[in-house]
Amino acid sequence: MEGRTGLRWSATSDGQLALFDAQERVIGRGEYRGLEFVHVQARTIINRLAPTAPLPFRFTINAYRGCSHACTYCFARPTHEFLGLDPATDFDRVIVVKVNAVERLRAELAPKRWAGEPIAMGTNTDPYQAAEGKYRLTQGIVAVLAEAGNPFSILTKSTLVLRDLDLLADAARRTRVELCLSVGTLDDEVWRSTEPGTPRPAKRLEAVARLNEAGVACGVLVAPVLPGLSDDPSQLEAVVAAALDAGATSVSSVLLHLRPGVREHYLAWLGAERPDLVDRHQRLYARGAYATRAERDRVGAVVRAAVARHRAPTRARPGRGRGRFGPVT
């Protein structure tokens, strides 16, 4: 997370916590300063979603609750309320660690209990956040899924995923593996103010390239697109062009949505940082968590048009069709 000095703690690709300066230079290393880890024993680790859930997957794994990426807009913040914690102040620093996640997964994948359904990770909090450098639960989960030949997908904002590059490449040879890096903007100012605990967007795109070069299909999710901050057509086009230059197998977008709990936190932050945008958000989200259909359609059309312009017609694109994170480009 970033302080007033412009310095921020974030995980490096080798799984260590490092202090970065404004130029993204490592200037020190530490023991996860400012973070509190709460150990719990999970009774189950594979979550079954409701049949009515509007998502392209039915089963998920989340080894952590809370996230040190400290994204102002994170939809998972209200989950800390169930633990008696403050979603505004504790979500970023009190990380719940399901220390038996790997053992539970191995038990739950027993042939008599499991039919080999695809499993999604990164659907609630980031599986490669800073805590993963300490606990390596995602690494263990990937190893178990690969051993079982069970298909899986991962959504992350973290370059720490590169620590497991060889493991993921091996898994991709055994089963269907889909990765996606979330890159909502290339604007440094927007990135620093809204995602202070994440790696620089350009570094994430480098990870996209390295994963695809290693044979691990990796796309880009332009998300969330933030009204007034990262939704200008030129900003969206820049992300799409950079994603395709990095070899992304898919590019899709999601406009910011503001669930109860998240709405209050984000609008309070917006009122302090960009009060000129508050009225626009009140209009866009007047009817609930999702922006108006017209605005969602506008952003989606801009991204699809940018993909059509920048997509190389001869580029090999494995797994054509619809991926877990959007249409394959």
Protein backbone atom coordinates (compact mmCIF):
# COMPACT_ATOMS: atom_id res chain seq x y z
CA MET A 1 0.00 0.00 0.00
CA GLU A 2 1.16 3.53 -0.75
CA GLY A 3 1.86 6.20 1.82
CA ARG A 4 1.95 9.96 1.54
CA THR A 5 5.62 9.86 0.58
CA GLY A 6 4.84 8.08 -2.69
CA LEU A 7 6.49 4.87 -1.45
CA ARG A 8 4.50 1.65 -1.54
CA TRP A 9 4.84 -1.94 -0.41
CA SER A 10 4.07 -4.61 -2.99
CA ALA A 11 5.07 -8.19 -3.77
CA THR A 12 7.82 -8.81 -6.31
CA SER A 13 7.74 -11.65 -8.83
CA ASP A 14 9.90 -13.81 -6.55
CA GLY A 15 7.33 -13.63 -3.77
CA GLN A 16 9.09 -11.12 -1.54
CA LEU A 17 7.61 -7.92 -0.14
CA ALA A 18 9.53 -4.88 -1.32
CA LEU A 19 9.34 -1.12 -0.89
CA PHE A 20 9.08 0.68 -4.24
CA ASP A 21 9.68 4.36 -4.95
CA ALA A 22 7.72 6.50 -7.42
CA GLN A 23 9.90 5.21 -10.29
CA GLU A 24 9.12 1.59 -9.37
CA ARG A 25 12.63 0.97 -8.05
CA VAL A 26 13.06 -1.44 -5.15
CA ILE A 27 14.57 0.53 -2.29
CA GLY A 28 14.02 -1.86 0.58
CA ARG A 29 12.47 -5.11 1.72
CA GLY A 30 10.42 -5.87 4.79
CA GLU A 31 8.28 -8.34 6.66
CA TYR A 32 4.81 -7.44 5.37
CA ARG A 33 4.65 -4.20 7.31
CA GLY A 34 1.20 -2.90 8.12
CA LEU A 35 -0.48 -6.25 7.41
CA GLU A 36 -2.10 -8.51 9.99
CA PHE A 37 -2.63 -12.17 9.12
CA VAL A 38 -5.46 -14.10 10.75
CA HIS A 39 -5.17 -17.89 10.43
CA VAL A 40 -8.33 -19.95 10.04
CA GLN A 41 -9.09 -23.60 9.32
CA ALA A 42 -11.54 -23.82 6.42
CA ARG A 43 -14.18 -26.54 6.59
CA THR A 44 -14.41 -26.54 2.78
CA ILE A 45 -12.33 -24.80 0.14
CA ILE A 46 -14.27 -25.35 -3.11
CA ASN A 47 -17.26 -22.99 -3.21
CA ARG A 48 -20.32 -23.85 -5.28
CA LEU A 49 -22.09 -20.82 -6.73
CA ALA A 50 -25.84 -20.54 -6.95
CA PRO A 51 -27.19 -21.83 -10.29
CA THR A 52 -28.61 -18.37 -10.97
CA ALA A 53 -25.27 -16.59 -10.60
CA PRO A 54 -24.58 -14.69 -13.89
CA LEU A 55 -21.01 -15.95 -14.15
CA PRO A 56 -19.23 -18.28 -16.61
CA PHE A 57 -18.12 -20.65 -13.83
CA ARG A 58 -19.83 -22.61 -11.06
CA PHE A 59 -17.00 -23.36 -8.64
CA THR A 60 -14.43 -21.09 -7.01
CA ILE A 61 -11.54 -21.16 -4.56
CA ASN A 62 -10.47 -18.23 -2.40
CA ALA A 63 -7.54 -18.97 -0.12
CA TYR A 64 -7.53 -15.44 1.33
CA ARG A 65 -10.12 -12.92 2.53
CA GLY A 66 -9.19 -9.27 2.43
CA CYS A 67 -6.60 -7.94 0.00
CA SER A 68 -3.48 -5.82 0.37
CA HIS A 69 -3.93 -4.39 -3.12
CA ALA A 70 -6.16 -1.82 -1.41
CA CYS A 71 -8.23 -1.06 -4.51
CA THR A 72 -10.69 1.72 -3.66
CA TYR A 73 -13.48 0.08 -5.66
CA CYS A 74 -13.08 -3.58 -4.61
CA PHE A 75 -16.46 -5.31 -4.62
CA ALA A 76 -15.29 -7.79 -1.95
CA ARG A 77 -14.92 -5.20 0.81
CA PRO A 78 -18.30 -5.95 2.44
CA THR A 79 -17.21 -9.57 3.11
CA HIS A 80 -15.13 -8.26 6.03
CA GLU A 81 -18.33 -7.17 7.77
CA PHE A 82 -19.20 -10.84 8.30
CA LEU A 83 -16.05 -11.10 10.41
CA GLY A 84 -16.85 -8.03 12.48
CA LEU A 85 -14.17 -6.04 10.65
CA ASP A 86 -14.38 -2.64 9.00
CA PRO A 87 -14.53 -3.01 5.19
CA ALA A 88 -13.06 0.46 4.76
CA THR A 89 -10.06 0.27 7.11
CA ASP A 90 -9.50 -3.44 7.79
CA PHE A 91 -10.04 -4.99 4.36
CA ASP A 92 -6.65 -3.78 3.10
CA ARG A 93 -4.60 -4.78 6.14
CA VAL A 94 -6.31 -7.66 7.99
CA ILE A 95 -5.90 -10.68 5.73
CA VAL A 96 -7.67 -13.91 6.59
CA VAL A 97 -5.54 -16.89 5.58
CA LYS A 98 -7.13 -20.33 5.11
CA VAL A 99 -3.98 -22.15 6.16
CA ASN A 100 -5.36 -25.62 5.38
CA ALA A 101 -6.52 -24.69 1.86
CA VAL A 102 -4.16 -27.06 0.04
CA GLU A 103 -4.98 -30.03 2.25
CA ARG A 104 -8.72 -29.38 1.98
CA LEU A 105 -8.50 -29.17 -1.81
CA ARG A 106 -6.67 -32.47 -2.06
CA ALA A 107 -9.40 -34.11 0.02
CA GLU A 108 -12.25 -32.49 -1.91
CA LEU A 109 -10.85 -33.57 -5.27
CA ALA A 110 -11.20 -37.22 -4.33
CA PRO A 111 -12.70 -39.03 -7.35
CA LYS A 112 -15.82 -40.19 -5.49
CA ARG A 113 -16.60 -36.61 -4.45
CA TRP A 114 -15.60 -34.53 -7.45
CA ALA A 115 -16.46 -34.66 -11.17
CA GLY A 116 -13.58 -32.55 -12.47
CA GLU A 117 -15.49 -29.28 -12.96
CA PRO A 118 -13.46 -26.16 -13.85
CA ILE A 119 -12.51 -24.03 -10.83
CA ALA A 120 -12.02 -20.26 -10.88
CA MET A 121 -9.63 -18.33 -8.62
CA GLY A 122 -9.42 -14.59 -8.12
CA THR A 123 -13.17 -14.14 -8.09
CA ASN A 124 -13.27 -12.48 -4.66
CA THR A 125 -9.78 -11.39 -3.59
CA ASP A 126 -6.51 -11.69 -5.45
CA PRO A 127 -4.84 -15.12 -5.12
CA TYR A 128 -1.43 -13.51 -5.80
CA GLN A 129 -1.65 -10.62 -3.34
CA ALA A 130 1.29 -9.99 -0.99
CA ALA A 131 0.20 -12.70 1.48
CA GLU A 132 0.83 -15.32 -1.20
CA GLY A 133 4.54 -14.52 -1.03
CA LYS A 134 4.48 -15.68 2.59
CA TYR A 135 2.01 -18.56 2.57
CA ARG A 136 2.23 -19.95 -1.02
CA LEU A 137 -1.31 -21.32 -0.82
CA THR A 138 -2.13 -20.47 -4.44
CA GLN A 139 1.06 -22.19 -5.51
CA GLY A 140 0.00 -25.31 -3.61
CA ILE A 141 -3.53 -25.16 -5.01
CA VAL A 142 -2.22 -24.90 -8.58
CA ALA A 143 0.07 -27.89 -7.98
CA VAL A 144 -2.81 -30.02 -6.68
CA LEU A 145 -5.11 -29.03 -9.56
CA ALA A 146 -2.36 -29.79 -12.08
CA GLU A 147 -1.67 -33.18 -10.52
CA ALA A 148 -5.37 -33.99 -10.73
CA GLY A 149 -5.64 -32.70 -14.30
CA ASN A 150 -8.47 -30.41 -13.17
CA PRO A 151 -9.12 -27.34 -15.37
CA PHE A 152 -8.86 -23.95 -13.67
CA SER A 153 -8.70 -20.23 -14.28
CA ILE A 154 -7.00 -17.38 -12.42
CA LEU A 155 -7.75 -13.67 -12.43
CA THR A 156 -5.08 -11.45 -10.86
CA LYS A 157 -3.54 -7.99 -10.84
CA SER A 158 -0.21 -9.27 -9.55
CA THR A 159 3.08 -10.01 -11.30
CA LEU A 160 3.75 -12.47 -8.48
CA VAL A 161 2.05 -14.96 -10.79
CA LEU A 162 5.38 -15.16 -12.66
CA ARG A 163 6.92 -16.89 -9.65
CA ASP A 164 4.79 -19.90 -10.64
CA LEU A 165 5.45 -19.65 -14.38
CA ASP A 166 6.99 -23.12 -14.69
CA LEU A 167 4.27 -24.66 -12.54
CA LEU A 168 1.52 -23.02 -14.59
CA ALA A 169 3.15 -24.05 -17.87
CA ASP A 170 3.29 -27.64 -16.65
CA ALA A 171 -0.37 -27.45 -15.59
CA ALA A 172 -1.31 -26.09 -19.04
CA ARG A 173 0.20 -29.20 -20.60
CA ARG A 174 -1.97 -31.41 -18.39
CA THR A 175 -5.31 -29.61 -18.45
CA ARG A 176 -7.11 -26.45 -19.57
CA VAL A 177 -5.62 -23.41 -17.83
CA GLU A 178 -6.80 -19.84 -18.40
CA LEU A 179 -5.16 -16.81 -16.85
CA CYS A 180 -6.22 -13.20 -17.03
CA LEU A 181 -4.45 -10.06 -15.83
CA SER A 182 -6.70 -7.20 -14.80
CA VAL A 183 -5.46 -3.93 -16.31
CA GLY A 184 -8.03 -1.16 -16.01
CA THR A 185 -5.85 1.73 -17.11
CA LEU A 186 -2.37 2.74 -18.23
CA ASP A 187 -2.71 6.14 -16.58
CA ASP A 188 -0.16 6.32 -13.76
CA GLU A 189 -2.11 8.87 -11.75
CA VAL A 190 -5.33 6.86 -11.86
CA TRP A 191 -3.47 3.64 -11.07
CA ARG A 192 -1.63 5.07 -8.07
CA SER A 193 -4.74 6.63 -6.56
CA THR A 194 -7.14 3.71 -7.06
CA GLU A 195 -4.91 0.60 -6.83
CA PRO A 196 -2.04 1.60 -4.51
CA GLY A 197 -0.96 -1.94 -3.61
CA THR A 198 -0.74 -3.34 -7.15
CA PRO A 199 2.15 -3.57 -9.62
CA ARG A 200 2.43 -0.96 -12.35
CA PRO A 201 0.09 -1.77 -15.29
CA ALA A 202 3.01 -1.98 -17.72
CA LYS A 203 4.54 -4.70 -15.53
CA ARG A 204 1.29 -6.64 -15.66
CA LEU A 205 1.32 -6.50 -19.45
CA GLU A 206 4.88 -7.83 -19.41
CA ALA A 207 3.54 -10.73 -17.35
CA VAL A 208 0.83 -11.34 -19.98
CA ALA A 209 3.52 -11.62 -22.63
CA ARG A 210 5.70 -13.97 -20.58
CA LEU A 211 2.80 -16.25 -19.70
CA ASN A 212 1.70 -16.60 -23.32
CA GLU A 213 5.27 -17.17 -24.45
CA ALA A 214 5.45 -20.02 -21.93
CA GLY A 215 2.31 -21.63 -23.34
CA VAL A 216 -0.10 -20.42 -20.65
CA ALA A 217 -3.10 -18.77 -22.30
CA CYS A 218 -3.46 -15.33 -20.75
CA GLY A 219 -5.88 -12.55 -21.55
CA VAL A 220 -6.53 -9.04 -20.26
CA LEU A 221 -9.63 -7.83 -18.45
CA VAL A 222 -9.97 -4.05 -18.73
CA ALA A 223 -11.58 -3.68 -15.35
CA PRO A 224 -13.02 -1.96 -13.70
CA VAL A 225 -13.47 0.93 -16.09
CA LEU A 226 -13.96 3.96 -13.83
CA PRO A 227 -16.37 6.70 -14.99
CA GLY A 228 -14.55 9.98 -15.45
CA LEU A 229 -11.19 8.46 -14.54
CA SER A 230 -10.41 5.73 -17.07
CA ASP A 231 -13.38 5.59 -19.46
CA ASP A 232 -12.25 8.04 -22.14
CA PRO A 233 -12.09 6.27 -25.54
CA SER A 234 -8.41 7.18 -25.92
CA GLN A 235 -7.62 5.62 -22.53
CA LEU A 236 -9.50 2.43 -23.35
CA GLU A 237 -7.91 2.19 -26.79
CA ALA A 238 -4.44 2.48 -25.23
CA VAL A 239 -5.11 -0.45 -22.90
CA VAL A 240 -6.52 -2.62 -25.69
CA ALA A 241 -3.59 -1.87 -28.02
CA ALA A 242 -1.04 -2.64 -25.30
CA ALA A 243 -2.85 -5.85 -24.32
CA LEU A 244 -2.87 -7.17 -27.87
CA ASP A 245 0.75 -6.15 -28.36
CA ALA A 246 1.50 -8.32 -25.32
CA GLY A 247 -0.20 -11.26 -27.01
CA ALA A 248 -3.35 -11.33 -24.89
CA THR A 249 -5.59 -14.21 -25.93
CA SER A 250 -8.70 -12.26 -24.91
CA VAL A 251 -9.62 -8.66 -24.16
CA SER A 252 -12.90 -7.71 -22.51
CA SER A 253 -14.10 -4.99 -20.16
CA VAL A 254 -16.23 -4.46 -17.07
CA LEU A 255 -17.57 -1.11 -16.00
CA LEU A 256 -17.39 -0.23 -12.30
CA HIS A 257 -20.26 -1.58 -10.24
CA LEU A 258 -21.03 -0.35 -6.75
CA ARG A 259 -22.66 -2.82 -4.40
CA PRO A 260 -23.95 -1.65 -1.02
CA GLY A 261 -20.94 -1.15 1.23
CA VAL A 262 -18.61 -0.61 -1.69
CA ARG A 263 -20.72 2.29 -2.92
CA GLU A 264 -20.34 4.23 0.32
CA HIS A 265 -16.60 3.62 0.50
CA TYR A 266 -15.91 4.51 -3.12
CA LEU A 267 -18.10 7.61 -3.21
CA ALA A 268 -16.49 8.89 0.01
CA TRP A 269 -13.08 8.44 -1.59
CA LEU A 270 -14.29 10.08 -4.79
CA GLY A 271 -15.72 13.02 -2.85
CA ALA A 272 -12.30 13.64 -1.31
CA GLU A 273 -10.22 13.07 -4.43
CA ARG A 274 -12.51 14.03 -7.33
CA PRO A 275 -15.60 15.84 -6.03
CA ASP A 276 -16.36 16.98 -9.58
CA LEU A 277 -17.31 13.39 -10.47
CA VAL A 278 -19.69 12.66 -7.61
CA ASP A 279 -22.84 13.98 -9.33
CA ARG A 280 -22.10 11.95 -12.43
CA HIS A 281 -21.79 8.78 -10.36
CA GLN A 282 -25.02 9.53 -8.52
CA ARG A 283 -26.79 9.72 -11.88
CA LEU A 284 -25.12 6.65 -13.39
CA TYR A 285 -25.81 4.47 -10.33
CA ALA A 286 -29.16 5.93 -9.31
CA ARG A 287 -30.95 2.61 -9.79
CA GLY A 288 -28.53 0.29 -8.04
CA ALA A 289 -25.12 -1.35 -8.21
CA TYR A 290 -24.80 -1.24 -11.99
CA ALA A 291 -24.40 1.83 -14.16
CA THR A 292 -27.07 2.64 -16.72
CA ARG A 293 -27.39 0.23 -19.63
CA ALA A 294 -26.51 3.02 -22.04
CA GLU A 295 -23.19 3.65 -20.29
CA ARG A 296 -22.31 -0.04 -20.10
CA ASP A 297 -23.11 -0.43 -23.79
CA ARG A 298 -20.98 2.61 -24.66
CA VAL A 299 -17.90 1.31 -22.86
CA GLY A 300 -18.33 -2.19 -24.27
CA ALA A 301 -18.66 -0.85 -27.80
CA VAL A 302 -15.52 1.28 -27.44
CA VAL A 303 -13.49 -1.71 -26.28
CA ARG A 304 -14.84 -4.06 -28.96
CA ALA A 305 -14.12 -1.51 -31.67
CA ALA A 306 -10.59 -1.02 -30.36
CA VAL A 307 -10.02 -4.79 -30.37
CA ALA A 308 -11.21 -4.97 -33.98
CA ARG A 309 -8.82 -2.18 -35.00
CA HIS A 310 -5.74 -3.51 -33.22
CA ARG A 311 -6.16 -7.25 -33.54
CA ALA A 312 -3.59 -8.82 -35.84
CA PRO A 313 -5.61 -10.91 -38.34
CA THR A 314 -2.92 -13.57 -38.61
CA ARG A 315 -2.22 -13.89 -34.88
CA ALA A 316 -2.71 -17.43 -33.61
CA ARG A 317 -5.35 -17.34 -30.92
CA PRO A 318 -5.75 -20.59 -28.98
CA GLY A 319 -9.12 -21.55 -27.58
CA ARG A 320 -11.34 -19.40 -29.81
CA GLY A 321 -14.80 -18.86 -28.43
CA ARG A 322 -15.79 -17.52 -25.05
CA GLY A 323 -13.28 -17.73 -22.24
CA ARG A 324 -13.98 -17.41 -18.54
CA PHE A 325 -13.18 -13.69 -18.58
CA GLY A 326 -14.77 -12.61 -21.85
CA PRO A 327 -14.77 -13.22 -25.58
CA VAL A 328 -11.54 -14.47 -27.06
CA THR A 329 -10.26 -11.87 -29.49
